[in-house]
């Protein structure tokens, strides 16, 4: 008859099992972030293509809100970042609003930490005292944050865009009504009732 369970030594078995778990975890991380990444990027691009193909003509002429777009005319500072991204990664943005917002957040933290250092309370106070900011999605001549408002983007910072020939073009407004720049510097007006482009 063997030893009672409480007197048996299972350290070797535990070591083998722990090693297997560690190997499997390392392997799954490698496959997720390195090994299969080219396939995952291809899968993402294919899904995006299929998604746009599924919407097809249904998306044409629809009006949506967002914080920014990469299509159509751009301010010089945003155009420089868009061109640098395309040059480095040779692909379109997966999530334009997410990229722009993250970029702006990092720039705001950099400004705050240059002023206040790295102590959390000091960084928070510095963030609440940035008087104005020009970023990719946020461009304001007011304090970005205050003690009572920690959401940097307000309703007044949103934009309207119209899907036009597969591009999300910002809607502008003048005395004649809403318009988009289908061609650089040329305003094409939108019928406010049907959202169709006026000829």
N, C-alpha and C. Protein backbone atom coordinates (compact mmCIF):
# COMPACT_ATOMS: atom_id res chain seq x y z
N UNK A 1 0.84 -1.19 0.00
CA UNK A 1 0.00 0.00 0.00
C UNK A 1 0.88 1.24 0.00
N UNK A 2 0.55 2.23 -0.85
CA UNK A 2 1.39 3.42 -0.97
C UNK A 2 1.21 4.38 0.19
N UNK A 3 1.95 5.47 0.13
CA UNK A 3 1.88 6.50 1.17
C UNK A 3 0.52 7.18 1.14
N UNK A 4 0.07 7.68 2.28
CA UNK A 4 -1.16 8.48 2.29
C UNK A 4 -0.99 9.71 1.38
N UNK A 5 -2.10 10.21 0.86
CA UNK A 5 -2.06 11.32 -0.09
C UNK A 5 -1.34 12.52 0.49
N UNK A 6 -1.62 12.84 1.77
CA UNK A 6 -1.01 14.03 2.37
C UNK A 6 0.50 13.92 2.54
N UNK A 7 1.06 12.68 2.40
CA UNK A 7 2.50 12.51 2.54
C UNK A 7 3.19 12.26 1.21
N UNK A 8 2.41 12.26 0.11
CA UNK A 8 3.00 12.04 -1.21
C UNK A 8 3.57 13.36 -1.75
N UNK A 9 4.63 13.26 -2.50
CA UNK A 9 5.28 14.44 -3.08
C UNK A 9 4.91 14.51 -4.57
N UNK A 10 4.17 15.60 -4.94
CA UNK A 10 3.74 15.77 -6.33
C UNK A 10 4.44 16.97 -6.99
N UNK A 11 5.56 17.36 -6.41
CA UNK A 11 6.23 18.56 -6.93
C UNK A 11 6.66 18.39 -8.40
N UNK A 12 7.12 17.20 -8.77
CA UNK A 12 7.55 16.99 -10.15
C UNK A 12 6.37 17.09 -11.11
N UNK A 13 5.23 16.51 -10.71
CA UNK A 13 4.03 16.58 -11.56
C UNK A 13 3.57 18.01 -11.72
N UNK A 14 3.57 18.76 -10.59
CA UNK A 14 3.19 20.17 -10.65
C UNK A 14 4.15 20.97 -11.53
N UNK A 15 5.42 20.65 -11.46
CA UNK A 15 6.42 21.34 -12.28
C UNK A 15 6.16 21.10 -13.76
N UNK A 16 5.88 19.83 -14.12
CA UNK A 16 5.60 19.50 -15.51
C UNK A 16 4.35 20.24 -16.00
N UNK A 17 3.28 20.21 -15.19
CA UNK A 17 2.04 20.88 -15.59
C UNK A 17 2.24 22.39 -15.70
N UNK A 18 2.95 22.99 -14.74
CA UNK A 18 3.20 24.43 -14.78
C UNK A 18 4.03 24.80 -16.01
N UNK A 19 5.00 23.95 -16.34
CA UNK A 19 5.83 24.20 -17.52
C UNK A 19 4.99 24.14 -18.79
N UNK A 20 4.09 23.16 -18.87
CA UNK A 20 3.23 23.04 -20.04
C UNK A 20 2.32 24.27 -20.18
N UNK A 21 1.78 24.73 -19.04
CA UNK A 21 0.93 25.93 -19.07
C UNK A 21 1.74 27.13 -19.53
N UNK A 22 2.96 27.29 -19.02
CA UNK A 22 3.81 28.41 -19.42
C UNK A 22 4.14 28.35 -20.91
N UNK A 23 4.47 27.15 -21.41
CA UNK A 23 4.79 26.99 -22.82
C UNK A 23 3.58 27.32 -23.69
N UNK A 24 2.41 26.81 -23.30
CA UNK A 24 1.19 27.08 -24.07
C UNK A 24 0.85 28.57 -24.06
N UNK A 25 1.04 29.23 -22.91
CA UNK A 25 0.76 30.67 -22.82
C UNK A 25 1.71 31.45 -23.72
N UNK A 26 3.01 31.11 -23.64
CA UNK A 26 3.99 31.79 -24.49
C UNK A 26 3.69 31.57 -25.97
N UNK A 27 3.33 30.34 -26.31
CA UNK A 27 3.02 30.01 -27.70
C UNK A 27 1.80 30.79 -28.19
N UNK A 28 0.76 30.89 -27.35
CA UNK A 28 -0.45 31.60 -27.77
C UNK A 28 -0.17 33.09 -27.94
N UNK A 29 0.68 33.67 -27.05
CA UNK A 29 1.05 35.07 -27.22
C UNK A 29 1.84 35.28 -28.51
N UNK A 30 2.76 34.35 -28.79
CA UNK A 30 3.54 34.45 -30.03
C UNK A 30 2.63 34.38 -31.25
N UNK A 31 1.70 33.41 -31.25
CA UNK A 31 0.80 33.26 -32.38
C UNK A 31 -0.11 34.47 -32.54
N UNK A 32 -0.53 35.05 -31.41
CA UNK A 32 -1.44 36.20 -31.47
C UNK A 32 -0.75 37.45 -32.00
N UNK A 33 0.44 37.73 -31.51
CA UNK A 33 1.08 39.01 -31.80
C UNK A 33 2.17 38.95 -32.87
N UNK A 34 2.73 37.77 -33.14
CA UNK A 34 3.84 37.70 -34.09
C UNK A 34 3.60 36.68 -35.20
N UNK A 35 3.42 35.45 -34.81
CA UNK A 35 3.40 34.37 -35.79
C UNK A 35 2.33 34.49 -36.84
N UNK A 36 1.08 34.77 -36.43
CA UNK A 36 -0.02 34.80 -37.38
C UNK A 36 -0.44 36.23 -37.73
N UNK A 37 0.36 37.21 -37.36
CA UNK A 37 -0.05 38.59 -37.58
C UNK A 37 -0.31 38.92 -39.05
N UNK A 38 0.55 38.49 -39.97
CA UNK A 38 0.25 38.79 -41.38
C UNK A 38 -1.12 38.25 -41.79
N UNK A 39 -1.46 37.05 -41.33
CA UNK A 39 -2.76 36.49 -41.66
C UNK A 39 -3.88 37.31 -41.03
N UNK A 40 -3.70 37.76 -39.79
CA UNK A 40 -4.73 38.54 -39.13
C UNK A 40 -4.93 39.89 -39.83
N UNK A 41 -3.84 40.52 -40.28
CA UNK A 41 -3.96 41.77 -41.01
C UNK A 41 -4.72 41.56 -42.32
N UNK A 42 -4.41 40.46 -42.99
CA UNK A 42 -5.12 40.13 -44.23
C UNK A 42 -6.60 39.91 -43.95
N UNK A 43 -6.89 39.19 -42.87
CA UNK A 43 -8.27 38.93 -42.49
C UNK A 43 -9.02 40.23 -42.18
N UNK A 44 -8.34 41.16 -41.50
CA UNK A 44 -8.96 42.44 -41.16
C UNK A 44 -9.26 43.25 -42.42
N UNK A 45 -8.30 43.28 -43.35
CA UNK A 45 -8.51 44.01 -44.59
C UNK A 45 -9.65 43.40 -45.41
N UNK A 46 -9.70 42.06 -45.43
CA UNK A 46 -10.76 41.38 -46.16
C UNK A 46 -12.11 41.70 -45.55
N UNK A 47 -12.19 41.68 -44.22
CA UNK A 47 -13.45 41.99 -43.54
C UNK A 47 -13.89 43.42 -43.85
N UNK A 48 -12.93 44.34 -43.82
CA UNK A 48 -13.27 45.74 -44.11
C UNK A 48 -13.78 45.88 -45.53
N UNK A 49 -13.13 45.19 -46.46
CA UNK A 49 -13.57 45.23 -47.86
C UNK A 49 -14.98 44.66 -48.00
N UNK A 50 -15.22 43.51 -47.36
CA UNK A 50 -16.53 42.88 -47.43
C UNK A 50 -17.60 43.76 -46.80
N UNK A 51 -17.23 44.43 -45.71
CA UNK A 51 -18.17 45.32 -45.03
C UNK A 51 -18.57 46.49 -45.94
N UNK A 52 -17.57 47.09 -46.59
CA UNK A 52 -17.87 48.20 -47.49
C UNK A 52 -18.66 47.72 -48.71
N UNK A 53 -18.36 46.50 -49.17
CA UNK A 53 -19.07 45.95 -50.31
C UNK A 53 -20.52 45.63 -49.94
N UNK A 54 -20.72 45.18 -48.69
CA UNK A 54 -22.08 44.86 -48.24
C UNK A 54 -22.92 46.12 -48.17
N UNK A 55 -22.34 47.22 -47.69
CA UNK A 55 -23.08 48.48 -47.64
C UNK A 55 -23.30 49.00 -49.05
N UNK A 56 -22.23 48.94 -49.86
CA UNK A 56 -22.32 49.33 -51.26
C UNK A 56 -23.03 50.66 -51.47
N UNK A 57 -24.00 50.63 -52.37
CA UNK A 57 -24.74 51.83 -52.71
C UNK A 57 -25.62 52.31 -51.56
N UNK A 58 -25.89 51.43 -50.59
CA UNK A 58 -26.74 51.83 -49.47
C UNK A 58 -26.09 52.92 -48.63
N UNK A 59 -24.76 52.93 -48.58
CA UNK A 59 -24.07 53.94 -47.79
C UNK A 59 -24.03 55.29 -48.50
N UNK A 60 -24.11 55.25 -49.82
CA UNK A 60 -24.00 56.49 -50.61
C UNK A 60 -25.08 57.49 -50.22
N UNK A 61 -24.63 58.70 -49.89
CA UNK A 61 -25.57 59.77 -49.57
C UNK A 61 -26.02 59.83 -48.13
N UNK A 62 -25.57 58.88 -47.31
CA UNK A 62 -25.98 58.94 -45.89
C UNK A 62 -25.13 59.96 -45.15
N UNK A 63 -25.72 60.53 -44.12
CA UNK A 63 -25.06 61.53 -43.30
C UNK A 63 -24.79 60.92 -41.92
N UNK A 64 -23.55 61.03 -41.46
CA UNK A 64 -23.17 60.52 -40.14
C UNK A 64 -22.37 61.57 -39.40
N UNK A 65 -22.25 61.40 -38.10
CA UNK A 65 -21.41 62.29 -37.31
C UNK A 65 -20.14 61.56 -36.88
N UNK A 66 -19.07 62.31 -36.70
CA UNK A 66 -17.81 61.76 -36.23
C UNK A 66 -16.98 62.93 -35.72
N UNK A 67 -15.76 62.64 -35.27
CA UNK A 67 -14.89 63.73 -34.83
C UNK A 67 -13.96 64.21 -35.94
N UNK A 68 -13.73 63.37 -36.95
CA UNK A 68 -12.81 63.74 -38.03
C UNK A 68 -12.94 62.72 -39.16
N UNK A 69 -12.34 63.06 -40.29
CA UNK A 69 -12.28 62.14 -41.43
C UNK A 69 -10.92 62.32 -42.11
N UNK A 70 -10.48 61.28 -42.78
CA UNK A 70 -9.22 61.38 -43.54
C UNK A 70 -9.48 61.70 -45.00
N UNK A 71 -10.76 61.73 -45.38
CA UNK A 71 -11.11 61.99 -46.78
C UNK A 71 -11.34 63.48 -47.01
N UNK A 72 -11.10 63.92 -48.24
CA UNK A 72 -11.35 65.31 -48.59
C UNK A 72 -10.25 66.24 -48.10
N UNK A 73 -10.47 67.55 -48.23
CA UNK A 73 -9.46 68.53 -47.82
C UNK A 73 -9.14 68.41 -46.33
N UNK A 74 -7.86 68.60 -45.99
CA UNK A 74 -7.41 68.47 -44.60
C UNK A 74 -6.57 69.68 -44.22
N UNK A 75 -6.62 70.07 -42.93
CA UNK A 75 -5.68 71.10 -42.49
C UNK A 75 -4.25 70.57 -42.58
N UNK A 76 -3.26 71.44 -42.78
CA UNK A 76 -1.88 70.99 -43.02
C UNK A 76 -1.32 70.07 -41.93
N UNK A 77 -1.59 70.37 -40.64
CA UNK A 77 -1.00 69.54 -39.58
C UNK A 77 -1.59 68.13 -39.60
N UNK A 78 -2.88 68.00 -39.94
CA UNK A 78 -3.49 66.67 -40.01
C UNK A 78 -3.02 65.94 -41.26
N UNK A 79 -2.91 66.64 -42.39
CA UNK A 79 -2.44 66.03 -43.62
C UNK A 79 -1.05 65.45 -43.44
N UNK A 80 -0.18 66.14 -42.69
CA UNK A 80 1.18 65.66 -42.46
C UNK A 80 1.17 64.33 -41.71
N UNK A 81 0.30 64.20 -40.70
CA UNK A 81 0.22 62.95 -39.93
C UNK A 81 -0.37 61.83 -40.79
N UNK A 82 -1.42 62.14 -41.55
CA UNK A 82 -2.03 61.13 -42.42
C UNK A 82 -1.02 60.61 -43.43
N UNK A 83 -0.28 61.51 -44.07
CA UNK A 83 0.72 61.10 -45.06
C UNK A 83 1.84 60.28 -44.42
N UNK A 84 2.27 60.69 -43.20
CA UNK A 84 3.32 59.94 -42.50
C UNK A 84 2.83 58.53 -42.15
N UNK A 85 1.58 58.40 -41.73
CA UNK A 85 1.00 57.08 -41.40
C UNK A 85 0.97 56.20 -42.65
N UNK A 86 0.47 56.75 -43.76
CA UNK A 86 0.39 55.97 -44.99
C UNK A 86 1.78 55.53 -45.46
N UNK A 87 2.75 56.42 -45.33
CA UNK A 87 4.11 56.10 -45.77
C UNK A 87 4.72 54.99 -44.92
N UNK A 88 4.48 55.06 -43.62
CA UNK A 88 5.10 54.09 -42.72
C UNK A 88 4.42 52.72 -42.77
N UNK A 89 3.07 52.70 -42.79
CA UNK A 89 2.35 51.43 -42.67
C UNK A 89 1.76 50.94 -43.98
N UNK A 90 1.74 51.80 -45.01
CA UNK A 90 1.26 51.40 -46.33
C UNK A 90 -0.15 50.79 -46.26
N UNK A 91 -1.02 51.42 -45.50
CA UNK A 91 -2.40 50.97 -45.40
C UNK A 91 -3.27 52.12 -44.91
N UNK A 92 -4.59 51.93 -45.05
CA UNK A 92 -5.53 52.92 -44.55
C UNK A 92 -5.72 52.73 -43.04
N UNK A 93 -6.30 53.69 -42.39
CA UNK A 93 -6.59 53.59 -40.97
C UNK A 93 -7.67 52.55 -40.74
N UNK A 94 -7.50 51.72 -39.69
CA UNK A 94 -8.55 50.78 -39.32
C UNK A 94 -9.69 51.52 -38.61
N UNK A 95 -9.33 52.50 -37.81
CA UNK A 95 -10.32 53.28 -37.06
C UNK A 95 -9.81 54.71 -36.97
N UNK A 96 -10.27 55.54 -37.90
CA UNK A 96 -9.76 56.91 -37.98
C UNK A 96 -9.98 57.69 -36.70
N UNK A 97 -11.23 57.67 -36.20
CA UNK A 97 -11.56 58.43 -34.99
C UNK A 97 -10.73 57.94 -33.80
N UNK A 98 -10.57 56.62 -33.67
CA UNK A 98 -9.79 56.06 -32.57
C UNK A 98 -8.33 56.47 -32.65
N UNK A 99 -7.75 56.43 -33.86
CA UNK A 99 -6.35 56.83 -34.03
C UNK A 99 -6.17 58.30 -33.69
N UNK A 100 -7.03 59.17 -34.24
CA UNK A 100 -6.91 60.60 -34.00
C UNK A 100 -7.08 60.94 -32.51
N UNK A 101 -8.08 60.31 -31.87
CA UNK A 101 -8.33 60.58 -30.45
C UNK A 101 -7.17 60.12 -29.59
N UNK A 102 -6.59 58.96 -29.91
CA UNK A 102 -5.44 58.45 -29.15
C UNK A 102 -4.23 59.36 -29.33
N UNK A 103 -4.00 59.80 -30.55
CA UNK A 103 -2.89 60.73 -30.83
C UNK A 103 -3.07 62.00 -30.00
N UNK A 104 -4.28 62.56 -30.02
CA UNK A 104 -4.54 63.78 -29.25
C UNK A 104 -4.34 63.55 -27.76
N UNK A 105 -4.79 62.40 -27.26
CA UNK A 105 -4.64 62.11 -25.83
C UNK A 105 -3.16 62.06 -25.44
N UNK A 106 -2.33 61.43 -26.28
CA UNK A 106 -0.89 61.36 -25.98
C UNK A 106 -0.24 62.74 -26.01
N UNK A 107 -0.67 63.58 -26.96
CA UNK A 107 -0.13 64.94 -27.04
C UNK A 107 -0.54 65.77 -25.81
N UNK A 108 -1.77 65.60 -25.36
CA UNK A 108 -2.23 66.31 -24.17
C UNK A 108 -1.46 65.87 -22.93
N UNK A 109 -1.23 64.56 -22.80
CA UNK A 109 -0.43 64.06 -21.67
C UNK A 109 1.00 64.61 -21.75
N UNK A 110 1.55 64.67 -22.95
CA UNK A 110 2.91 65.20 -23.10
C UNK A 110 2.98 66.65 -22.66
N UNK A 111 1.99 67.45 -23.06
CA UNK A 111 1.96 68.85 -22.64
C UNK A 111 1.88 68.96 -21.12
N UNK A 112 0.98 68.17 -20.53
CA UNK A 112 0.78 68.22 -19.08
C UNK A 112 2.03 67.78 -18.33
N UNK A 113 2.70 66.71 -18.81
CA UNK A 113 3.86 66.21 -18.09
C UNK A 113 5.09 67.09 -18.29
N UNK A 114 5.16 67.78 -19.42
CA UNK A 114 6.25 68.75 -19.58
C UNK A 114 6.11 69.90 -18.58
N UNK A 115 4.88 70.24 -18.25
CA UNK A 115 4.64 71.33 -17.30
C UNK A 115 4.74 70.88 -15.86
N UNK A 116 4.25 69.67 -15.56
CA UNK A 116 4.04 69.28 -14.16
C UNK A 116 4.85 68.08 -13.70
N UNK A 117 5.55 67.40 -14.57
CA UNK A 117 6.26 66.20 -14.15
C UNK A 117 5.35 64.98 -14.25
N UNK A 118 5.62 63.98 -13.40
CA UNK A 118 4.94 62.70 -13.54
C UNK A 118 4.06 62.32 -12.35
N UNK A 119 3.96 63.19 -11.36
CA UNK A 119 3.12 62.89 -10.19
C UNK A 119 1.66 63.00 -10.63
N UNK A 120 0.84 61.96 -10.37
CA UNK A 120 -0.53 61.92 -10.91
C UNK A 120 -1.38 63.15 -10.62
N UNK A 121 -1.36 63.63 -9.39
CA UNK A 121 -2.20 64.79 -9.06
C UNK A 121 -1.74 66.03 -9.82
N UNK A 122 -0.44 66.17 -9.98
CA UNK A 122 0.08 67.32 -10.71
C UNK A 122 -0.27 67.22 -12.19
N UNK A 123 -0.21 66.00 -12.76
CA UNK A 123 -0.58 65.81 -14.16
C UNK A 123 -2.05 66.13 -14.36
N UNK A 124 -2.89 65.67 -13.44
CA UNK A 124 -4.32 65.96 -13.54
C UNK A 124 -4.58 67.47 -13.50
N UNK A 125 -3.93 68.15 -12.58
CA UNK A 125 -4.10 69.61 -12.48
C UNK A 125 -3.62 70.30 -13.76
N UNK A 126 -2.51 69.82 -14.33
CA UNK A 126 -1.99 70.42 -15.56
C UNK A 126 -2.96 70.18 -16.72
N UNK A 127 -3.54 68.98 -16.80
CA UNK A 127 -4.52 68.70 -17.85
C UNK A 127 -5.72 69.63 -17.76
N UNK A 128 -6.08 69.98 -16.54
CA UNK A 128 -7.23 70.86 -16.33
C UNK A 128 -6.91 72.33 -16.59
N UNK A 129 -5.67 72.62 -16.92
CA UNK A 129 -5.27 74.01 -17.15
C UNK A 129 -4.58 74.23 -18.50
N UNK A 130 -4.87 73.37 -19.46
CA UNK A 130 -4.38 73.59 -20.82
C UNK A 130 -5.36 74.54 -21.49
N UNK A 131 -4.96 75.78 -21.82
CA UNK A 131 -5.92 76.80 -22.26
C UNK A 131 -6.53 76.57 -23.63
N UNK A 132 -5.78 75.95 -24.55
CA UNK A 132 -6.29 75.66 -25.89
C UNK A 132 -5.46 74.53 -26.47
N UNK A 133 -5.94 73.95 -27.58
CA UNK A 133 -5.25 72.79 -28.11
C UNK A 133 -5.59 72.62 -29.59
N UNK A 134 -4.58 72.33 -30.40
CA UNK A 134 -4.78 71.98 -31.80
C UNK A 134 -4.26 70.57 -32.01
N UNK A 135 -5.19 69.64 -32.19
CA UNK A 135 -4.80 68.25 -32.41
C UNK A 135 -5.33 67.75 -33.74
N UNK A 136 -5.47 66.42 -33.83
CA UNK A 136 -5.97 65.82 -35.07
C UNK A 136 -7.49 65.83 -35.12
N UNK A 137 -8.12 65.46 -33.99
CA UNK A 137 -9.58 65.47 -33.97
C UNK A 137 -10.13 66.63 -33.15
N UNK A 138 -9.33 67.15 -32.22
CA UNK A 138 -9.79 68.23 -31.34
C UNK A 138 -8.99 69.49 -31.64
N UNK A 139 -9.71 70.57 -31.96
CA UNK A 139 -9.07 71.84 -32.26
C UNK A 139 -9.91 72.93 -31.59
N UNK A 140 -9.49 73.37 -30.39
CA UNK A 140 -10.33 74.26 -29.59
C UNK A 140 -9.54 75.45 -29.06
N UNK A 141 -10.22 76.58 -28.97
CA UNK A 141 -9.64 77.78 -28.34
C UNK A 141 -10.28 77.98 -26.97
N UNK A 142 -10.40 76.91 -26.25
CA UNK A 142 -10.94 76.91 -24.88
C UNK A 142 -10.17 75.87 -24.09
N UNK A 143 -10.30 75.89 -22.76
CA UNK A 143 -9.64 74.82 -21.99
C UNK A 143 -10.17 73.45 -22.42
N UNK A 144 -9.26 72.53 -22.64
CA UNK A 144 -9.67 71.18 -23.06
C UNK A 144 -10.44 70.49 -21.95
N UNK A 145 -9.89 70.55 -20.74
CA UNK A 145 -10.53 69.98 -19.56
C UNK A 145 -10.66 71.05 -18.48
N UNK A 146 -11.62 70.87 -17.59
CA UNK A 146 -11.73 71.70 -16.39
C UNK A 146 -11.96 70.76 -15.21
N UNK A 147 -11.99 71.31 -14.02
CA UNK A 147 -12.25 70.46 -12.84
C UNK A 147 -13.61 69.81 -12.92
N UNK A 148 -14.55 70.49 -13.55
CA UNK A 148 -15.91 69.94 -13.65
C UNK A 148 -16.20 69.21 -14.94
N UNK A 149 -15.29 69.23 -15.90
CA UNK A 149 -15.53 68.58 -17.19
C UNK A 149 -14.27 67.87 -17.66
N UNK A 150 -14.33 66.56 -17.67
CA UNK A 150 -13.18 65.76 -18.08
C UNK A 150 -13.39 65.09 -19.43
N UNK A 151 -14.43 65.48 -20.15
CA UNK A 151 -14.62 65.00 -21.51
C UNK A 151 -14.17 66.11 -22.45
N UNK A 152 -13.07 65.89 -23.13
CA UNK A 152 -12.50 66.94 -23.97
C UNK A 152 -13.31 67.26 -25.20
N UNK A 153 -14.07 66.27 -25.70
CA UNK A 153 -14.85 66.47 -26.92
C UNK A 153 -16.30 66.72 -26.55
N UNK A 154 -16.81 67.88 -26.97
CA UNK A 154 -18.21 68.20 -26.74
C UNK A 154 -19.00 68.11 -28.03
N UNK A 155 -20.29 68.35 -27.93
CA UNK A 155 -21.15 68.29 -29.11
C UNK A 155 -20.69 69.27 -30.18
N UNK A 156 -20.18 70.43 -29.73
CA UNK A 156 -19.75 71.45 -30.68
C UNK A 156 -18.48 71.05 -31.43
N UNK A 157 -17.81 69.99 -30.98
CA UNK A 157 -16.57 69.54 -31.63
C UNK A 157 -16.82 68.43 -32.66
N UNK A 158 -18.06 67.97 -32.75
CA UNK A 158 -18.38 66.91 -33.71
C UNK A 158 -18.53 67.50 -35.11
N UNK A 159 -18.42 66.65 -36.09
CA UNK A 159 -18.61 67.05 -37.49
C UNK A 159 -19.67 66.17 -38.13
N UNK A 160 -20.28 66.68 -39.17
CA UNK A 160 -21.16 65.88 -40.01
C UNK A 160 -20.39 65.51 -41.27
N UNK A 161 -20.60 64.28 -41.72
CA UNK A 161 -19.96 63.83 -42.95
C UNK A 161 -20.98 63.15 -43.85
N UNK A 162 -20.75 63.21 -45.12
CA UNK A 162 -21.61 62.54 -46.11
C UNK A 162 -20.79 61.52 -46.87
N UNK A 163 -21.31 60.28 -46.96
CA UNK A 163 -20.65 59.26 -47.77
C UNK A 163 -20.89 59.57 -49.24
N UNK A 164 -19.80 59.88 -49.93
CA UNK A 164 -19.87 60.33 -51.31
C UNK A 164 -18.82 59.58 -52.13
N UNK A 165 -19.29 58.71 -53.03
CA UNK A 165 -18.38 57.91 -53.89
C UNK A 165 -17.37 57.15 -53.04
N UNK A 166 -17.83 56.57 -51.94
CA UNK A 166 -16.97 55.75 -51.09
C UNK A 166 -16.10 56.52 -50.13
N UNK A 167 -16.26 57.85 -50.08
CA UNK A 167 -15.46 58.66 -49.16
C UNK A 167 -16.37 59.39 -48.18
N UNK A 168 -15.86 59.55 -46.96
CA UNK A 168 -16.62 60.24 -45.92
C UNK A 168 -16.17 61.70 -45.91
N UNK A 169 -16.92 62.55 -46.60
CA UNK A 169 -16.53 63.95 -46.79
C UNK A 169 -17.23 64.84 -45.77
N UNK A 170 -16.47 65.75 -45.17
CA UNK A 170 -17.04 66.65 -44.18
C UNK A 170 -18.06 67.58 -44.83
N UNK A 171 -19.19 67.76 -44.13
CA UNK A 171 -20.23 68.67 -44.60
C UNK A 171 -19.93 70.07 -44.07
N UNK A 172 -19.84 71.03 -44.99
CA UNK A 172 -19.68 72.42 -44.62
C UNK A 172 -20.98 73.18 -44.82
N UNK A 173 -21.05 74.38 -44.31
CA UNK A 173 -22.26 75.18 -44.43
C UNK A 173 -21.89 76.62 -44.79
N UNK A 174 -22.65 77.18 -45.73
CA UNK A 174 -22.54 78.61 -46.01
C UNK A 174 -23.94 79.15 -46.29
N UNK A 175 -24.03 80.35 -46.84
CA UNK A 175 -25.34 80.98 -47.08
C UNK A 175 -26.23 80.19 -48.03
N UNK A 176 -25.62 79.38 -48.90
CA UNK A 176 -26.40 78.60 -49.86
C UNK A 176 -26.85 77.26 -49.29
N UNK A 177 -26.33 76.87 -48.13
CA UNK A 177 -26.73 75.61 -47.52
C UNK A 177 -25.56 74.66 -47.31
N UNK A 178 -25.86 73.39 -47.02
CA UNK A 178 -24.80 72.40 -46.77
C UNK A 178 -24.11 71.97 -48.07
N UNK A 179 -22.82 71.65 -47.96
CA UNK A 179 -22.06 71.24 -49.15
C UNK A 179 -20.93 70.30 -48.75
N UNK A 180 -20.39 69.62 -49.73
CA UNK A 180 -19.16 68.83 -49.57
C UNK A 180 -18.20 69.23 -50.69
N UNK A 181 -16.91 69.02 -50.45
CA UNK A 181 -15.89 69.26 -51.48
C UNK A 181 -15.57 67.94 -52.17
N UNK A 182 -16.35 67.62 -53.19
CA UNK A 182 -16.09 66.39 -53.96
C UNK A 182 -14.75 66.52 -54.66
N UNK A 183 -14.48 67.73 -55.20
CA UNK A 183 -13.18 68.05 -55.78
C UNK A 183 -12.57 69.18 -54.97
N UNK A 184 -11.26 69.17 -54.87
CA UNK A 184 -10.54 70.16 -54.07
C UNK A 184 -10.97 71.58 -54.46
N UNK A 185 -11.47 72.32 -53.49
CA UNK A 185 -11.81 73.72 -53.70
C UNK A 185 -13.13 73.98 -54.41
N UNK A 186 -13.86 72.91 -54.75
CA UNK A 186 -15.14 73.07 -55.46
C UNK A 186 -16.26 72.56 -54.55
N UNK A 187 -17.20 73.45 -54.22
CA UNK A 187 -18.31 73.09 -53.35
C UNK A 187 -19.44 72.45 -54.17
N UNK A 188 -19.88 71.28 -53.71
CA UNK A 188 -21.05 70.64 -54.29
C UNK A 188 -22.13 70.63 -53.22
N UNK A 189 -23.25 71.30 -53.50
CA UNK A 189 -24.26 71.50 -52.47
C UNK A 189 -25.17 70.28 -52.33
N UNK A 190 -25.69 70.15 -51.11
CA UNK A 190 -26.52 68.99 -50.74
C UNK A 190 -27.96 69.46 -50.56
N UNK A 191 -28.88 68.69 -51.11
CA UNK A 191 -30.30 68.96 -50.87
C UNK A 191 -30.60 68.60 -49.41
N UNK A 192 -31.02 69.57 -48.57
CA UNK A 192 -31.22 69.28 -47.15
C UNK A 192 -32.38 68.33 -46.86
N UNK A 193 -33.23 68.10 -47.85
CA UNK A 193 -34.37 67.18 -47.64
C UNK A 193 -34.03 65.75 -48.02
N UNK A 194 -33.31 65.59 -49.12
CA UNK A 194 -33.02 64.24 -49.60
C UNK A 194 -31.56 63.82 -49.37
N UNK A 195 -30.69 64.78 -49.04
CA UNK A 195 -29.24 64.57 -48.90
C UNK A 195 -28.55 64.28 -50.21
N UNK A 196 -29.30 64.38 -51.31
CA UNK A 196 -28.69 64.15 -52.64
C UNK A 196 -27.86 65.37 -53.02
N UNK A 197 -26.85 65.14 -53.86
CA UNK A 197 -26.04 66.24 -54.34
C UNK A 197 -26.80 67.00 -55.43
N UNK A 198 -26.75 68.32 -55.34
CA UNK A 198 -27.39 69.14 -56.36
C UNK A 198 -26.49 69.24 -57.59
N UNK A 199 -27.07 69.20 -58.72
CA UNK A 199 -26.30 69.28 -59.98
C UNK A 199 -26.21 70.73 -60.45
